[in-house]
Amino acid sequence: MTDDRQLIKEAHWLYEAARSAGLSSDPKALVDKMTELQRGLPAEDEFAALCIWSGRCLLIHRLWQEQYPASSRRLFQVPDFFVVFAIEGHQVPALVEVKSTSGDELAFSASYHKRLVSYASALGLPLLIAWKAQWGLWALFDVAEMQRSRGGAWRVNCLEIMKQTLMGVMLGDFFANVRAGVGITMKIRIEERTSSDDFIGTVVASHWHNAQNQRVEALEGNFLPLLLCCPDEVETMEEDDVLTQRFYLPTDNAVPAHQTMVAGLLQDDEPNWHALLASRDLEGGLDQVRKAAVDGTRKGMVSGVIHVEPRVRPPFLPQRKRRQPRHLQPPAQEGGT
């Protein structure tokens, strides 16, 4: 009863505050929107979580888009975040605008693009676009990669921008090629049959198996999120009231490491990003997946780990030292006589 009284009191406070502020929104719609805000703005908060999870972010600061005077809105568009990345021993500050689409193209109107670029230019900072596109695939790129179309809008295509994505160099992203046949074997002792199809059971053993169906006792890091990103199949065999289930991948799967973050949360619903960002549960997550992928190459579970570089690094990033081709390297000096 006490909880009900407190709830009524808080609802009354909110109602009075809304009425005093002259708000005219439908109460139910307002409650729904407050619930959405409490859970977090999905794309923006997921990107913030990715930054923390990557271990490459020293600071991420949300830039609330209230700005004055009102006339400034015609000249400047405040992006979503100010971020300081840690890249190869350097601190790299940048502004980031986050977008999410269900298709494979991202478009900015000419005026919106101009206001974003004007704000970044005024601060002398690079402007990056973090884009969650089809299939939950993230790209991070310099706004200069967008191309102006005939109608004046600025556009970018998902498949094209992947050639210039900065997810790898700035957030440590990589691809792990998980091999066909890899999976988990579980043995379940049937304790009680509740129907012809259902039973109560106890897991008595479980282990990883590699592409050759060989038992793998232990893996470094956290391999499970890599597996959860892949479609699997199951083989079932029953003997003496023990059910053996072998979950395995029917084909090779190239898994982007950043997609394992959400898979690793093991939640059916949209994660509560506010709670995760306030906790320390995300820290070091990518490093654990990387350890598992590297160890998986040694144990027949991963055929390769691919670190993707952009074709050309933007000038605000430390430039990569490329290895000289062997045929151009000077011959080794022979010993003196």
C-alpha atoms as a PDB file:
ATOM      1  CA  MET A   1       0.000   0.000   0.000  1.00  0.00           C
ATOM      2  CA  THR A   2       2.880   2.337   0.844  1.00  0.00           C
ATOM      3  CA  ASP A   3       4.356   1.812  -2.641  1.00  0.00           C
ATOM      4  CA  ASP A   4       0.987   2.656  -4.230  1.00  0.00           C
ATOM      5  CA  ARG A   5       0.755   5.891  -2.212  1.00  0.00           C
ATOM      6  CA  GLN A   6       4.283   6.902  -3.244  1.00  0.00           C
ATOM      7  CA  LEU A   7       3.515   6.117  -6.875  1.00  0.00           C
ATOM      8  CA  ILE A   8       0.338   8.235  -6.764  1.00  0.00           C
ATOM      9  CA  LYS A   9       2.286  11.082  -5.135  1.00  0.00           C
ATOM     10  CA  GLU A  10       5.039  10.988  -7.782  1.00  0.00           C
ATOM     11  CA  ALA A  11       2.471  10.808 -10.590  1.00  0.00           C
ATOM     12  CA  HIS A  12       0.754  13.872  -9.111  1.00  0.00           C
ATOM     13  CA  TRP A  13       4.081  15.757  -8.990  1.00  0.00           C
ATOM     14  CA  LEU A  14       4.767  14.933 -12.640  1.00  0.00           C
ATOM     15  CA  TYR A  15       1.255  15.963 -13.638  1.00  0.00           C
ATOM     16  CA  GLU A  16       1.574  19.317 -11.841  1.00  0.00           C
ATOM     17  CA  ALA A  17       5.034  19.910 -13.335  1.00  0.00           C
ATOM     18  CA  ALA A  18       3.746  19.161 -16.849  1.00  0.00           C
ATOM     19  CA  ARG A  19       0.705  21.410 -16.366  1.00  0.00           C
ATOM     20  CA  SER A  20       2.843  24.250 -14.969  1.00  0.00           C
ATOM     21  CA  ALA A  21       5.184  23.998 -17.957  1.00  0.00           C
ATOM     22  CA  GLY A  22       2.245  24.194 -20.333  1.00  0.00           C
ATOM     23  CA  LEU A  23       2.854  20.733 -21.813  1.00  0.00           C
ATOM     24  CA  SER A  24      -0.054  19.449 -23.871  1.00  0.00           C
ATOM     25  CA  SER A  25       1.176  15.945 -24.823  1.00  0.00           C
ATOM     26  CA  ASP A  26      -1.058  12.941 -24.317  1.00  0.00           C
ATOM     27  CA  PRO A  27      -0.203  11.495 -20.846  1.00  0.00           C
ATOM     28  CA  LYS A  28       0.189   7.933 -22.133  1.00  0.00           C
ATOM     29  CA  ALA A  29       2.431   9.042 -24.991  1.00  0.00           C
ATOM     30  CA  LEU A  30       4.479  11.074 -22.500  1.00  0.00           C
ATOM     31  CA  VAL A  31       4.910   8.050 -20.202  1.00  0.00           C
ATOM     32  CA  ASP A  32       5.928   5.886 -23.173  1.00  0.00           C
ATOM     33  CA  LYS A  33       8.517   8.468 -24.231  1.00  0.00           C
ATOM     34  CA  MET A  34       9.862   8.748 -20.661  1.00  0.00           C
ATOM     35  CA  THR A  35      10.234   4.946 -20.573  1.00  0.00           C
ATOM     36  CA  GLU A  36      12.134   5.081 -23.849  1.00  0.00           C
ATOM     37  CA  LEU A  37      14.447   7.788 -22.518  1.00  0.00           C
ATOM     38  CA  GLN A  38      14.990   5.840 -19.297  1.00  0.00           C
ATOM     39  CA  ARG A  39      16.171   2.858 -21.325  1.00  0.00           C
ATOM     40  CA  GLY A  40      18.379   5.113 -23.399  1.00  0.00           C
ATOM     41  CA  LEU A  41      18.476   6.384 -26.957  1.00  0.00           C
ATOM     42  CA  PRO A  42      19.311   3.057 -28.612  1.00  0.00           C
ATOM     43  CA  ALA A  43      21.753   3.994 -31.391  1.00  0.00           C
ATOM     44  CA  GLU A  44      23.595   6.726 -29.468  1.00  0.00           C
ATOM     45  CA  ASP A  45      23.901   4.674 -26.305  1.00  0.00           C
ATOM     46  CA  GLU A  46      24.933   1.537 -28.184  1.00  0.00           C
ATOM     47  CA  PHE A  47      27.754   3.489 -29.821  1.00  0.00           C
ATOM     48  CA  ALA A  48      28.829   4.875 -26.440  1.00  0.00           C
ATOM     49  CA  ALA A  49      28.805   1.306 -25.103  1.00  0.00           C
ATOM     50  CA  LEU A  50      30.927   0.157 -28.057  1.00  0.00           C
ATOM     51  CA  CYS A  51      33.481   2.861 -27.289  1.00  0.00           C
ATOM     52  CA  ILE A  52      33.790   1.735 -23.670  1.00  0.00           C
ATOM     53  CA  TRP A  53      33.736  -1.980 -24.581  1.00  0.00           C
ATOM     54  CA  SER A  54      36.538  -1.455 -27.114  1.00  0.00           C
ATOM     55  CA  GLY A  55      39.011  -0.216 -24.510  1.00  0.00           C
ATOM     56  CA  ARG A  56      40.091   2.523 -26.973  1.00  0.00           C
ATOM     57  CA  CYS A  57      38.040   5.362 -25.470  1.00  0.00           C
ATOM     58  CA  LEU A  58      39.503   7.700 -22.838  1.00  0.00           C
ATOM     59  CA  LEU A  59      36.399   9.905 -22.731  1.00  0.00           C
ATOM     60  CA  ILE A  60      32.993  10.024 -24.358  1.00  0.00           C
ATOM     61  CA  HIS A  61      30.869  13.062 -23.572  1.00  0.00           C
ATOM     62  CA  ARG A  62      27.309  13.562 -24.803  1.00  0.00           C
ATOM     63  CA  LEU A  63      26.735  17.012 -26.280  1.00  0.00           C
ATOM     64  CA  TRP A  64      23.178  17.947 -25.440  1.00  0.00           C
ATOM     65  CA  GLN A  65      21.804  19.844 -28.371  1.00  0.00           C
ATOM     66  CA  GLU A  66      20.469  22.912 -26.539  1.00  0.00           C
ATOM     67  CA  GLN A  67      22.135  25.957 -28.054  1.00  0.00           C
ATOM     68  CA  TYR A  68      21.710  29.707 -27.898  1.00  0.00           C
ATOM     69  CA  PRO A  69      20.958  32.152 -29.416  1.00  0.00           C
ATOM     70  CA  ALA A  70      18.136  30.582 -31.413  1.00  0.00           C
ATOM     71  CA  SER A  71      19.573  32.054 -34.595  1.00  0.00           C
ATOM     72  CA  SER A  72      22.680  29.818 -34.174  1.00  0.00           C
ATOM     73  CA  ARG A  73      20.583  26.819 -35.231  1.00  0.00           C
ATOM     74  CA  ARG A  74      20.671  28.118 -38.794  1.00  0.00           C
ATOM     75  CA  LEU A  75      24.479  28.016 -38.768  1.00  0.00           C
ATOM     76  CA  PHE A  76      25.529  25.161 -36.504  1.00  0.00           C
ATOM     77  CA  GLN A  77      24.366  21.602 -35.740  1.00  0.00           C
ATOM     78  CA  VAL A  78      25.755  20.184 -32.488  1.00  0.00           C
ATOM     79  CA  PRO A  79      26.766  16.513 -33.009  1.00  0.00           C
ATOM     80  CA  ASP A  80      26.007  13.750 -30.523  1.00  0.00           C
ATOM     81  CA  PHE A  81      29.365  13.187 -28.848  1.00  0.00           C
ATOM     82  CA  PHE A  82      32.808  14.524 -28.121  1.00  0.00           C
ATOM     83  CA  VAL A  83      35.172  11.549 -27.881  1.00  0.00           C
ATOM     84  CA  VAL A  84      38.851  11.168 -27.037  1.00  0.00           C
ATOM     85  CA  PHE A  85      40.219   7.969 -28.584  1.00  0.00           C
ATOM     86  CA  ALA A  86      43.446   6.242 -27.561  1.00  0.00           C
ATOM     87  CA  ILE A  87      45.163   5.171 -30.788  1.00  0.00           C
ATOM     88  CA  GLU A  88      48.673   3.745 -30.978  1.00  0.00           C
ATOM     89  CA  GLY A  89      49.875   5.820 -28.036  1.00  0.00           C
ATOM     90  CA  HIS A  90      48.161   9.021 -29.205  1.00  0.00           C
ATOM     91  CA  GLN A  91      45.129  10.856 -27.860  1.00  0.00           C
ATOM     92  CA  VAL A  92      42.817  11.646 -30.782  1.00  0.00           C
ATOM     93  CA  PRO A  93      39.851  13.959 -30.039  1.00  0.00           C
ATOM     94  CA  ALA A  94      36.885  13.958 -32.411  1.00  0.00           C
ATOM     95  CA  LEU A  95      33.218  14.859 -32.743  1.00  0.00           C
ATOM     96  CA  VAL A  96      30.838  12.010 -33.554  1.00  0.00           C
ATOM     97  CA  GLU A  97      27.350  12.107 -35.051  1.00  0.00           C
ATOM     98  CA  VAL A  98      25.442   8.819 -34.647  1.00  0.00           C
ATOM     99  CA  LYS A  99      22.891   7.546 -37.158  1.00  0.00           C
ATOM    100  CA  SER A 100      20.883   4.355 -37.576  1.00  0.00           C
ATOM    101  CA  THR A 101      19.043   3.180 -40.691  1.00  0.00           C
ATOM    102  CA  SER A 102      17.327  -0.015 -41.800  1.00  0.00           C
ATOM    103  CA  GLY A 103      18.652   0.336 -45.352  1.00  0.00           C
ATOM    104  CA  ASP A 104      22.060   0.394 -46.991  1.00  0.00           C
ATOM    105  CA  GLU A 105      22.236   4.153 -47.654  1.00  0.00           C
ATOM    106  CA  LEU A 106      22.691   7.147 -45.376  1.00  0.00           C
ATOM    107  CA  ALA A 107      21.735  10.647 -46.549  1.00  0.00           C
ATOM    108  CA  PHE A 108      22.080  14.132 -45.032  1.00  0.00           C
ATOM    109  CA  SER A 109      20.304  17.169 -46.417  1.00  0.00           C
ATOM    110  CA  ALA A 110      22.617  19.890 -47.716  1.00  0.00           C
ATOM    111  CA  SER A 111      21.719  22.237 -44.841  1.00  0.00           C
ATOM    112  CA  TYR A 112      22.141  19.572 -42.132  1.00  0.00           C
ATOM    113  CA  HIS A 113      25.535  18.543 -43.535  1.00  0.00           C
ATOM    114  CA  LYS A 114      26.672  22.182 -43.723  1.00  0.00           C
ATOM    115  CA  ARG A 115      25.654  22.919 -40.110  1.00  0.00           C
ATOM    116  CA  LEU A 116      27.491  19.827 -38.785  1.00  0.00           C
ATOM    117  CA  VAL A 117      30.649  20.648 -40.731  1.00  0.00           C
ATOM    118  CA  SER A 118      30.479  24.310 -39.645  1.00  0.00           C
ATOM    119  CA  TYR A 119      30.373  23.297 -35.975  1.00  0.00           C
ATOM    120  CA  ALA A 120      33.371  20.966 -36.369  1.00  0.00           C
ATOM    121  CA  SER A 121      35.306  23.621 -38.297  1.00  0.00           C
ATOM    122  CA  ALA A 122      34.633  26.239 -35.613  1.00  0.00           C
ATOM    123  CA  LEU A 123      36.142  23.885 -32.995  1.00  0.00           C
ATOM    124  CA  GLY A 124      38.943  22.657 -35.254  1.00  0.00           C
ATOM    125  CA  LEU A 125      38.028  19.014 -34.656  1.00  0.00           C
ATOM    126  CA  PRO A 126      37.484  16.091 -37.053  1.00  0.00           C
ATOM    127  CA  LEU A 127      33.852  15.080 -37.549  1.00  0.00           C
ATOM    128  CA  LEU A 128      33.100  11.360 -37.685  1.00  0.00           C
ATOM    129  CA  ILE A 129      29.847   9.619 -38.578  1.00  0.00           C
ATOM    130  CA  ALA A 130      29.011   6.454 -36.621  1.00  0.00           C
ATOM    131  CA  TRP A 131      26.431   4.596 -38.684  1.00  0.00           C
ATOM    132  CA  LYS A 132      24.513   1.474 -37.690  1.00  0.00           C
ATOM    133  CA  ALA A 133      23.323   0.137 -41.042  1.00  0.00           C
ATOM    134  CA  GLN A 134      21.780  -3.097 -42.293  1.00  0.00           C
ATOM    135  CA  TRP A 135      22.349  -6.310 -40.348  1.00  0.00           C
ATOM    136  CA  GLY A 136      23.404  -4.328 -37.274  1.00  0.00           C
ATOM    137  CA  LEU A 137      26.743  -3.553 -38.915  1.00  0.00           C
ATOM    138  CA  TRP A 138      28.519  -0.430 -37.642  1.00  0.00           C
ATOM    139  CA  ALA A 139      30.727   1.846 -39.723  1.00  0.00           C
ATOM    140  CA  LEU A 140      32.773   4.800 -38.479  1.00  0.00           C
ATOM    141  CA  PHE A 141      34.013   7.258 -41.071  1.00  0.00           C
ATOM    142  CA  ASP A 142      35.175  10.812 -41.743  1.00  0.00           C
ATOM    143  CA  VAL A 143      32.316  13.048 -42.901  1.00  0.00           C
ATOM    144  CA  ALA A 144      34.527  13.915 -45.896  1.00  0.00           C
ATOM    145  CA  GLU A 145      33.752  10.434 -47.277  1.00  0.00           C
ATOM    146  CA  MET A 146      30.156  11.449 -48.041  1.00  0.00           C
ATOM    147  CA  GLN A 147      29.417  12.314 -51.665  1.00  0.00           C
ATOM    148  CA  ARG A 148      27.104  15.089 -52.829  1.00  0.00           C
ATOM    149  CA  SER A 149      24.287  13.937 -55.105  1.00  0.00           C
ATOM    150  CA  ARG A 150      22.555  15.880 -57.870  1.00  0.00           C
ATOM    151  CA  GLY A 151      19.773  17.018 -55.563  1.00  0.00           C
ATOM    152  CA  GLY A 152      22.291  18.503 -53.131  1.00  0.00           C
ATOM    153  CA  ALA A 153      21.996  15.841 -50.426  1.00  0.00           C
ATOM    154  CA  TRP A 154      25.128  14.153 -49.105  1.00  0.00           C
ATOM    155  CA  ARG A 155      25.045  10.357 -49.316  1.00  0.00           C
ATOM    156  CA  VAL A 156      27.059   7.257 -48.524  1.00  0.00           C
ATOM    157  CA  ASN A 157      26.511   3.585 -49.368  1.00  0.00           C
ATOM    158  CA  CYS A 158      27.088   0.850 -46.795  1.00  0.00           C
ATOM    159  CA  LEU A 159      29.178  -1.470 -48.975  1.00  0.00           C
ATOM    160  CA  GLU A 160      31.312   1.387 -50.312  1.00  0.00           C
ATOM    161  CA  ILE A 161      32.022   2.977 -46.940  1.00  0.00           C
ATOM    162  CA  MET A 162      33.230  -0.338 -45.519  1.00  0.00           C
ATOM    163  CA  LYS A 163      36.364   0.213 -47.610  1.00  0.00           C
ATOM    164  CA  GLN A 164      37.092   3.329 -45.575  1.00  0.00           C
ATOM    165  CA  THR A 165      35.635   2.418 -42.173  1.00  0.00           C
ATOM    166  CA  LEU A 166      37.682   3.424 -39.132  1.00  0.00           C
ATOM    167  CA  MET A 167      36.148   0.830 -36.791  1.00  0.00           C
ATOM    168  CA  GLY A 168      39.376  -1.151 -36.799  1.00  0.00           C
ATOM    169  CA  VAL A 169      41.952   1.597 -36.368  1.00  0.00           C
ATOM    170  CA  MET A 170      39.900   3.659 -33.882  1.00  0.00           C
ATOM    171  CA  LEU A 171      37.947   1.012 -31.936  1.00  0.00           C
ATOM    172  CA  GLY A 172      40.110  -2.079 -32.439  1.00  0.00           C
ATOM    173  CA  ASP A 173      37.435  -3.935 -34.419  1.00  0.00           C
ATOM    174  CA  PHE A 174      38.338  -7.088 -36.369  1.00  0.00           C
ATOM    175  CA  PHE A 175      36.754 -10.050 -38.148  1.00  0.00           C
ATOM    176  CA  ALA A 176      37.062 -13.599 -36.820  1.00  0.00           C
ATOM    177  CA  ASN A 177      36.400 -16.394 -39.323  1.00  0.00           C
ATOM    178  CA  VAL A 178      34.734 -19.067 -37.169  1.00  0.00           C
ATOM    179  CA  ARG A 179      35.033 -22.446 -38.860  1.00  0.00           C
ATOM    180  CA  ALA A 180      32.221 -24.771 -39.898  1.00  0.00           C
ATOM    181  CA  GLY A 181      31.699 -27.598 -37.397  1.00  0.00           C
ATOM    182  CA  VAL A 182      32.692 -25.551 -34.352  1.00  0.00           C
ATOM    183  CA  GLY A 183      30.260 -25.613 -31.442  1.00  0.00           C
ATOM    184  CA  ILE A 184      29.262 -27.002 -28.054  1.00  0.00           C
ATOM    185  CA  THR A 185      28.396 -30.558 -26.993  1.00  0.00           C
ATOM    186  CA  MET A 186      26.125 -31.067 -23.974  1.00  0.00           C
ATOM    187  CA  LYS A 187      25.116 -34.247 -22.154  1.00  0.00           C
ATOM    188  CA  ILE A 188      21.807 -34.057 -20.268  1.00  0.00           C
ATOM    189  CA  ARG A 189      20.623 -36.766 -17.873  1.00  0.00           C
ATOM    190  CA  ILE A 190      16.844 -37.205 -18.096  1.00  0.00           C
ATOM    191  CA  GLU A 191      15.434 -37.091 -14.563  1.00  0.00           C
ATOM    192  CA  GLU A 192      11.705 -37.156 -15.279  1.00  0.00           C
ATOM    193  CA  ARG A 193       9.595 -37.340 -18.438  1.00  0.00           C
ATOM    194  CA  THR A 194       6.646 -34.943 -18.286  1.00  0.00           C
ATOM    195  CA  SER A 195       5.275 -35.897 -21.723  1.00  0.00           C
ATOM    196  CA  SER A 196       6.359 -37.699 -24.868  1.00  0.00           C
ATOM    197  CA  ASP A 197       8.315 -34.614 -25.972  1.00  0.00           C
ATOM    198  CA  ASP A 198       9.234 -32.896 -22.688  1.00  0.00           C
ATOM    199  CA  PHE A 199      11.379 -33.842 -19.729  1.00  0.00           C
ATOM    200  CA  ILE A 200      13.194 -32.441 -16.710  1.00  0.00           C
ATOM    201  CA  GLY A 201      16.926 -32.927 -17.016  1.00  0.00           C
ATOM    202  CA  THR A 202      20.313 -32.120 -15.533  1.00  0.00           C
ATOM    203  CA  VAL A 203      23.370 -31.083 -17.547  1.00  0.00           C
ATOM    204  CA  VAL A 204      26.094 -33.535 -16.527  1.00  0.00           C
ATOM    205  CA  ALA A 205      28.814 -32.512 -19.011  1.00  0.00           C
ATOM    206  CA  SER A 206      29.549 -29.911 -21.661  1.00  0.00           C
ATOM    207  CA  HIS A 207      32.554 -28.967 -23.755  1.00  0.00           C
ATOM    208  CA  TRP A 208      33.650 -27.033 -26.821  1.00  0.00           C
ATOM    209  CA  HIS A 209      34.481 -28.911 -30.008  1.00  0.00           C
ATOM    210  CA  ASN A 210      36.496 -27.686 -32.964  1.00  0.00           C
ATOM    211  CA  ALA A 211      35.950 -28.005 -36.717  1.00  0.00           C
ATOM    212  CA  GLN A 212      37.145 -31.642 -36.627  1.00  0.00           C
ATOM    213  CA  ASN A 213      34.692 -32.391 -33.768  1.00  0.00           C
ATOM    214  CA  GLN A 214      37.642 -32.766 -31.391  1.00  0.00           C
ATOM    215  CA  ARG A 215      37.060 -31.871 -27.754  1.00  0.00           C
ATOM    216  CA  VAL A 216      38.510 -28.516 -26.669  1.00  0.00           C
ATOM    217  CA  GLU A 217      38.901 -28.340 -22.905  1.00  0.00           C
ATOM    218  CA  ALA A 218      39.360 -24.616 -22.415  1.00  0.00           C
ATOM    219  CA  LEU A 219      39.638 -21.395 -24.365  1.00  0.00           C
ATOM    220  CA  GLU A 220      41.215 -18.124 -23.342  1.00  0.00           C
ATOM    221  CA  GLY A 221      38.978 -15.076 -23.205  1.00  0.00           C
ATOM    222  CA  ASN A 222      35.284 -15.179 -24.121  1.00  0.00           C
ATOM    223  CA  PHE A 223      34.437 -17.295 -27.179  1.00  0.00           C
ATOM    224  CA  LEU A 224      30.681 -17.694 -26.623  1.00  0.00           C
ATOM    225  CA  PRO A 225      29.652 -14.295 -28.135  1.00  0.00           C
ATOM    226  CA  LEU A 226      31.409 -15.248 -31.400  1.00  0.00           C
ATOM    227  CA  LEU A 227      29.319 -18.408 -31.542  1.00  0.00           C
ATOM    228  CA  LEU A 228      26.089 -16.601 -30.678  1.00  0.00           C
ATOM    229  CA  CYS A 229      26.505 -14.348 -33.736  1.00  0.00           C
ATOM    230  CA  CYS A 230      26.333 -17.373 -36.072  1.00  0.00           C
ATOM    231  CA  PRO A 231      23.356 -19.508 -37.184  1.00  0.00           C
ATOM    232  CA  ASP A 232      23.761 -23.041 -35.866  1.00  0.00           C
ATOM    233  CA  GLU A 233      22.278 -26.505 -36.222  1.00  0.00           C
ATOM    234  CA  VAL A 234      21.840 -29.302 -33.675  1.00  0.00           C
ATOM    235  CA  GLU A 235      22.314 -33.075 -33.662  1.00  0.00           C
ATOM    236  CA  THR A 236      20.581 -35.085 -30.925  1.00  0.00           C
ATOM    237  CA  MET A 237      21.239 -38.621 -29.725  1.00  0.00           C
ATOM    238  CA  GLU A 238      19.671 -40.411 -26.742  1.00  0.00           C
ATOM    239  CA  GLU A 239      21.116 -43.435 -24.962  1.00  0.00           C
ATOM    240  CA  ASP A 240      20.320 -44.867 -21.488  1.00  0.00           C
ATOM    241  CA  ASP A 241      18.348 -41.775 -20.436  1.00  0.00           C
ATOM    242  CA  VAL A 242      21.234 -39.479 -21.410  1.00  0.00           C
ATOM    243  CA  LEU A 243      20.565 -36.972 -24.175  1.00  0.00           C
ATOM    244  CA  THR A 244      23.598 -35.748 -26.126  1.00  0.00           C
ATOM    245  CA  GLN A 245      23.112 -32.520 -28.070  1.00  0.00           C
ATOM    246  CA  ARG A 246      25.778 -31.237 -30.424  1.00  0.00           C
ATOM    247  CA  PHE A 247      25.313 -27.605 -31.475  1.00  0.00           C
ATOM    248  CA  TYR A 248      27.519 -26.724 -34.458  1.00  0.00           C
ATOM    249  CA  LEU A 249      27.971 -24.221 -37.284  1.00  0.00           C
ATOM    250  CA  PRO A 250      27.042 -25.649 -40.709  1.00  0.00           C
ATOM    251  CA  THR A 251      29.221 -23.106 -42.572  1.00  0.00           C
ATOM    252  CA  ASP A 252      32.166 -20.793 -41.978  1.00  0.00           C
ATOM    253  CA  ASN A 253      31.142 -17.403 -40.551  1.00  0.00           C
ATOM    254  CA  ALA A 254      33.100 -14.139 -40.693  1.00  0.00           C
ATOM    255  CA  VAL A 255      32.007 -12.385 -37.490  1.00  0.00           C
ATOM    256  CA  PRO A 256      32.626  -8.648 -36.947  1.00  0.00           C
ATOM    257  CA  ALA A 257      33.922  -8.390 -33.387  1.00  0.00           C
ATOM    258  CA  HIS A 258      31.744  -5.372 -32.568  1.00  0.00           C
ATOM    259  CA  GLN A 259      28.582  -7.447 -33.085  1.00  0.00           C
ATOM    260  CA  THR A 260      29.618  -9.787 -30.270  1.00  0.00           C
ATOM    261  CA  MET A 261      29.049  -7.025 -27.698  1.00  0.00           C
ATOM    262  CA  VAL A 262      25.248  -7.220 -27.932  1.00  0.00           C
ATOM    263  CA  ALA A 263      25.330 -11.012 -28.391  1.00  0.00           C
ATOM    264  CA  GLY A 264      27.415 -11.322 -25.241  1.00  0.00           C
ATOM    265  CA  LEU A 265      24.797  -9.507 -23.152  1.00  0.00           C
ATOM    266  CA  LEU A 266      22.576 -12.597 -23.477  1.00  0.00           C
ATOM    267  CA  GLN A 267      19.355 -10.575 -23.440  1.00  0.00           C
ATOM    268  CA  ASP A 268      16.338 -11.110 -25.668  1.00  0.00           C
ATOM    269  CA  ASP A 269      15.127  -7.526 -25.336  1.00  0.00           C
ATOM    270  CA  GLU A 270      16.900  -4.281 -26.126  1.00  0.00           C
ATOM    271  CA  PRO A 271      19.637  -3.872 -23.486  1.00  0.00           C
ATOM    272  CA  ASN A 272      19.228  -1.212 -20.821  1.00  0.00           C
ATOM    273  CA  TRP A 273      22.066   0.963 -22.095  1.00  0.00           C
ATOM    274  CA  HIS A 274      21.809   3.497 -19.268  1.00  0.00           C
ATOM    275  CA  ALA A 275      22.423   0.793 -16.676  1.00  0.00           C
ATOM    276  CA  LEU A 276      25.282  -0.732 -18.666  1.00  0.00           C
ATOM    277  CA  LEU A 277      26.995   2.610 -19.260  1.00  0.00           C
ATOM    278  CA  ALA A 278      26.817   3.401 -15.556  1.00  0.00           C
ATOM    279  CA  SER A 279      28.335   0.018 -14.634  1.00  0.00           C
ATOM    280  CA  ARG A 280      31.789  -1.395 -15.380  1.00  0.00           C
ATOM    281  CA  ASP A 281      30.437  -4.509 -17.098  1.00  0.00           C
ATOM    282  CA  LEU A 282      31.474  -3.343 -20.574  1.00  0.00           C
ATOM    283  CA  GLU A 283      35.121  -2.611 -19.826  1.00  0.00           C
ATOM    284  CA  GLY A 284      37.616  -5.008 -21.420  1.00  0.00           C
ATOM    285  CA  GLY A 285      34.936  -6.847 -23.401  1.00  0.00           C
ATOM    286  CA  LEU A 286      36.623  -6.608 -26.800  1.00  0.00           C
ATOM    287  CA  ASP A 287      39.950  -7.747 -25.372  1.00  0.00           C
ATOM    288  CA  GLN A 288      38.315 -10.941 -24.084  1.00  0.00           C
ATOM    289  CA  VAL A 289      36.777 -11.677 -27.498  1.00  0.00           C
ATOM    290  CA  ARG A 290      40.135 -11.000 -29.186  1.00  0.00           C
ATOM    291  CA  LYS A 291      41.905 -13.433 -26.829  1.00  0.00           C
ATOM    292  CA  ALA A 292      39.290 -16.098 -27.616  1.00  0.00           C
ATOM    293  CA  ALA A 293      39.629 -15.568 -31.385  1.00  0.00           C
ATOM    294  CA  VAL A 294      43.430 -15.801 -31.270  1.00  0.00           C
ATOM    295  CA  ASP A 295      43.323 -18.899 -29.047  1.00  0.00           C
ATOM    296  CA  GLY A 296      40.694 -20.343 -31.383  1.00  0.00           C
ATOM    297  CA  THR A 297      43.158 -20.195 -34.281  1.00  0.00           C
ATOM    298  CA  ARG A 298      45.505 -22.431 -32.286  1.00  0.00           C
ATOM    299  CA  LYS A 299      42.776 -24.933 -31.428  1.00  0.00           C
ATOM    300  CA  GLY A 300      41.089 -25.419 -34.791  1.00  0.00           C
ATOM    301  CA  MET A 301      38.057 -23.188 -34.178  1.00  0.00           C
ATOM    302  CA  VAL A 302      38.991 -20.005 -36.059  1.00  0.00           C
ATOM    303  CA  SER A 303      40.704 -20.000 -39.461  1.00  0.00           C
ATOM    304  CA  GLY A 304      41.860 -16.399 -39.264  1.00  0.00           C
ATOM    305  CA  VAL A 305      41.629 -13.018 -37.534  1.00  0.00           C
ATOM    306  CA  ILE A 306      41.443 -10.070 -39.926  1.00  0.00           C
ATOM    307  CA  HIS A 307      42.292  -6.530 -38.831  1.00  0.00           C
ATOM    308  CA  VAL A 308      40.765  -4.163 -41.394  1.00  0.00           C
ATOM    309  CA  GLU A 309      42.569  -0.916 -42.266  1.00  0.00           C
ATOM    310  CA  PRO A 310      40.969   1.893 -44.296  1.00  0.00           C
ATOM    311  CA  ARG A 311      42.357   2.360 -47.779  1.00  0.00           C
ATOM    312  CA  VAL A 312      43.677   5.766 -46.688  1.00  0.00           C
ATOM    313  CA  ARG A 313      43.960   6.935 -43.098  1.00  0.00           C
ATOM    314  CA  PRO A 314      42.551  10.446 -42.555  1.00  0.00           C
ATOM    315  CA  PRO A 315      45.227  13.035 -41.728  1.00  0.00           C
ATOM    316  CA  PHE A 316      44.060  13.412 -38.105  1.00  0.00           C
ATOM    317  CA  LEU A 317      45.118   9.814 -37.358  1.00  0.00           C
ATOM    318  CA  PRO A 318      48.673   8.572 -36.747  1.00  0.00           C
ATOM    319  CA  GLN A 319      49.848   7.200 -40.080  1.00  0.00           C
ATOM    320  CA  ARG A 320      50.551   3.493 -40.312  1.00  0.00           C
ATOM    321  CA  LYS A 321      54.101   2.401 -41.028  1.00  0.00           C
ATOM    322  CA  ARG A 322      53.866  -0.055 -43.897  1.00  0.00           C
ATOM    323  CA  ARG A 323      56.311  -2.904 -44.284  1.00  0.00           C
ATOM    324  CA  GLN A 324      58.638  -2.629 -47.233  1.00  0.00           C
ATOM    325  CA  PRO A 325      58.096  -5.425 -49.806  1.00  0.00           C
ATOM    326  CA  ARG A 326      60.796  -8.058 -49.552  1.00  0.00           C
ATOM    327  CA  HIS A 327      62.046  -7.541 -53.109  1.00  0.00           C
ATOM    328  CA  LEU A 328      62.719  -3.862 -52.244  1.00  0.00           C
ATOM    329  CA  GLN A 329      64.556  -4.532 -49.015  1.00  0.00           C
ATOM    330  CA  PRO A 330      68.345  -4.160 -49.206  1.00  0.00           C
ATOM    331  CA  PRO A 331      70.293  -7.449 -49.068  1.00  0.00           C
ATOM    332  CA  ALA A 332      71.719  -8.433 -45.705  1.00  0.00           C
ATOM    333  CA  GLN A 333      75.345  -7.421 -45.221  1.00  0.00           C
ATOM    334  CA  GLU A 334      77.773 -10.286 -45.304  1.00  0.00           C
ATOM    335  CA  GLY A 335      80.244 -10.636 -42.473  1.00  0.00           C
ATOM    336  CA  GLY A 336      83.643  -8.977 -42.787  1.00  0.00           C
ATOM    337  CA  THR A 337      86.630 -10.870 -44.092  1.00  0.00           C
END
